[in-house]
Amino acid sequence: MLFNKKMLVVSIFCTGILVIAQSFAPKDHDEKPVNLKVLPKDISNEELHNIMRSYSLALGVRCGFCHTGKQIEGQQRMKMDFAADDKHEKIVAREMMKMTAAINANYIDKMPREGRALEQITCVTCHNGRTTPIVSADSLVKKEVH
């Protein structure tokens, strides 16, 4: 009888460890991104996440700035619908991605290098951690509000 109780305790403990391990396992690891209109359709999940992190840092925002999410009862994090085109910011982001690629291809890549590497522009080139790009030197000066 004592042996059965020990086995029960060990079984419950092992089950708990498995449940905890599953909660930290990557979700939808093999799931392919959908509704990609600018980024390559064969992009890896890791590369996609790295690009999205760079956009997030460049604009000083989180996923919910461009992507729709909904709160699920009992969960702290929102369930994001990355494929949805519901938010205007996502549409603008796609156009900005096209613009940046065009500037790099049509101008930056064609400039003479003269022995030094010329960096391509990215989101942070103009945004510097803000949701709207800094468009002039006047934007760098804090204006007084009257």
Protein backbone atom coordinates (compact mmCIF):
# COMPACT_ATOMS: atom_id res chain seq x y z
CA MET A 1 0.00 0.00 0.00
CA LEU A 2 2.87 2.36 0.85
CA PHE A 3 4.45 1.53 -2.51
CA ASN A 4 1.24 2.56 -4.33
CA LYS A 5 1.14 5.91 -2.51
CA LYS A 6 4.76 6.61 -3.44
CA MET A 7 4.04 5.69 -7.06
CA LEU A 8 1.02 7.98 -7.05
CA VAL A 9 3.05 10.90 -5.68
CA VAL A 10 5.84 10.29 -8.20
CA SER A 11 3.30 10.06 -11.05
CA ILE A 12 1.62 13.31 -10.02
CA PHE A 13 5.01 15.02 -9.72
CA CYS A 14 6.11 13.83 -13.19
CA THR A 15 2.80 14.88 -14.71
CA GLY A 16 3.23 18.34 -13.18
CA ILE A 17 6.73 18.62 -14.64
CA LEU A 18 5.41 17.65 -18.09
CA VAL A 19 2.59 20.19 -17.89
CA ILE A 20 5.01 22.96 -16.90
CA ALA A 21 7.45 21.98 -19.66
CA GLN A 22 4.64 22.05 -22.23
CA SER A 23 3.63 25.54 -21.16
CA PHE A 24 7.13 26.82 -21.98
CA ALA A 25 7.44 24.95 -25.28
CA PRO A 26 7.25 27.07 -28.44
CA LYS A 27 3.71 27.22 -29.79
CA ASP A 28 2.92 26.57 -33.44
CA HIS A 29 6.60 26.01 -34.19
CA ASP A 30 5.94 24.56 -37.64
CA GLU A 31 3.05 26.86 -38.49
CA LYS A 32 3.84 28.99 -41.53
CA PRO A 33 3.04 32.72 -41.50
CA VAL A 34 0.07 33.71 -43.64
CA ASN A 35 -0.97 36.92 -45.43
CA LEU A 36 2.60 38.04 -46.15
CA LYS A 37 2.39 40.72 -48.82
CA VAL A 38 5.82 42.35 -48.65
CA LEU A 39 8.04 39.88 -46.82
CA PRO A 40 9.00 36.65 -48.63
CA LYS A 41 6.43 33.87 -48.33
CA ASP A 42 9.16 31.33 -47.51
CA ILE A 43 10.59 33.36 -44.61
CA SER A 44 11.47 31.30 -41.55
CA ASN A 45 9.64 31.94 -38.28
CA GLU A 46 12.93 32.94 -36.65
CA GLU A 47 13.74 35.46 -39.38
CA LEU A 48 10.20 36.86 -39.29
CA HIS A 49 10.36 37.30 -35.50
CA ASN A 50 13.75 39.01 -35.77
CA ILE A 51 12.40 41.44 -38.37
CA MET A 52 9.30 42.18 -36.29
CA ARG A 53 11.48 42.76 -33.20
CA SER A 54 13.59 45.24 -35.17
CA TYR A 55 10.43 47.12 -36.24
CA SER A 56 9.21 47.12 -32.66
CA LEU A 57 12.47 48.61 -31.41
CA ALA A 58 12.74 51.11 -34.26
CA LEU A 59 9.28 52.52 -33.54
CA GLY A 60 9.21 51.99 -29.78
CA VAL A 61 6.03 49.90 -29.95
CA ARG A 62 4.73 46.41 -29.16
CA CYS A 63 2.98 43.93 -31.47
CA GLY A 64 -0.46 45.42 -30.75
CA PHE A 65 0.51 48.67 -32.47
CA CYS A 66 0.14 47.04 -35.90
CA HIS A 67 -1.60 43.76 -35.09
CA THR A 68 -5.08 43.05 -33.77
CA GLY A 69 -5.38 41.19 -30.50
CA LYS A 70 -8.13 40.03 -28.24
CA GLN A 71 -8.08 39.30 -24.54
CA ILE A 72 -8.68 35.68 -23.61
CA GLU A 73 -10.26 35.13 -20.21
CA GLY A 74 -7.75 33.77 -17.71
CA GLN A 75 -4.69 34.75 -19.77
CA GLN A 76 -2.48 37.75 -19.16
CA ARG A 77 -1.34 38.11 -22.77
CA MET A 78 -3.63 38.94 -25.63
CA LYS A 79 -4.12 36.42 -28.44
CA MET A 80 -2.70 38.16 -31.49
CA ASP A 81 -4.16 37.77 -34.98
CA PHE A 82 -1.01 38.50 -36.97
CA ALA A 83 -2.66 37.73 -40.33
CA ALA A 84 -5.51 40.23 -39.94
CA ASP A 85 -5.35 43.50 -41.88
CA ASP A 86 -7.69 45.31 -39.47
CA LYS A 87 -5.33 48.06 -38.37
CA HIS A 88 -4.36 51.09 -40.43
CA GLU A 89 -0.86 50.99 -38.90
CA LYS A 90 -0.20 47.58 -40.48
CA ILE A 91 -1.16 48.88 -43.92
CA VAL A 92 1.11 51.91 -43.45
CA ALA A 93 3.94 49.66 -42.22
CA ARG A 94 3.76 47.63 -45.44
CA GLU A 95 4.01 50.79 -47.53
CA MET A 96 6.95 52.00 -45.43
CA MET A 97 8.68 48.64 -45.95
CA LYS A 98 8.26 49.01 -49.73
CA MET A 99 9.50 52.60 -49.60
CA THR A 100 12.58 51.67 -47.59
CA ALA A 101 13.42 48.81 -49.97
CA ALA A 102 13.00 51.13 -52.97
CA ILE A 103 15.23 53.84 -51.48
CA ASN A 104 17.91 51.27 -50.73
CA ALA A 105 17.71 49.65 -54.18
CA ASN A 106 17.33 52.81 -56.28
CA TYR A 107 19.61 55.19 -54.41
CA ILE A 108 21.71 53.88 -51.51
CA ASP A 109 22.96 50.77 -53.33
CA LYS A 110 23.93 52.89 -56.37
CA MET A 111 25.99 55.47 -54.47
CA PRO A 112 29.78 55.28 -54.78
CA ARG A 113 31.37 53.63 -51.77
CA GLU A 114 34.91 55.11 -52.00
CA GLY A 115 36.44 52.45 -49.77
CA ARG A 116 33.84 52.56 -47.01
CA ALA A 117 30.69 50.58 -46.47
CA LEU A 118 27.50 52.51 -47.03
CA GLU A 119 24.73 51.36 -44.75
CA GLN A 120 21.23 50.81 -46.02
CA ILE A 121 18.43 52.73 -44.39
CA THR A 122 16.05 50.98 -42.02
CA CYS A 123 13.02 52.01 -39.98
CA VAL A 124 15.20 53.37 -37.18
CA THR A 125 16.96 55.72 -39.65
CA CYS A 126 13.95 58.03 -39.54
CA HIS A 127 11.85 56.81 -36.62
CA ASN A 128 14.48 56.65 -33.86
CA GLY A 129 12.12 54.88 -31.46
CA ARG A 130 9.07 57.01 -32.30
CA THR A 131 5.87 56.00 -34.06
CA THR A 132 6.14 58.88 -36.52
CA PRO A 133 9.35 59.59 -38.43
CA ILE A 134 11.46 62.61 -37.61
CA VAL A 135 11.27 64.59 -40.83
CA SER A 136 13.37 67.66 -40.11
CA ALA A 137 15.88 69.16 -37.71
CA ASP A 138 12.99 71.15 -36.20
CA SER A 139 11.54 67.85 -34.97
CA LEU A 140 14.59 67.37 -32.75
CA VAL A 141 13.95 70.60 -30.85
CA LYS A 142 11.27 70.47 -28.19
CA LYS A 143 8.74 73.17 -29.00
CA GLU A 144 7.14 75.25 -26.28
CA VAL A 145 3.41 74.97 -25.94
CA HIS A 146 1.62 78.25 -25.25
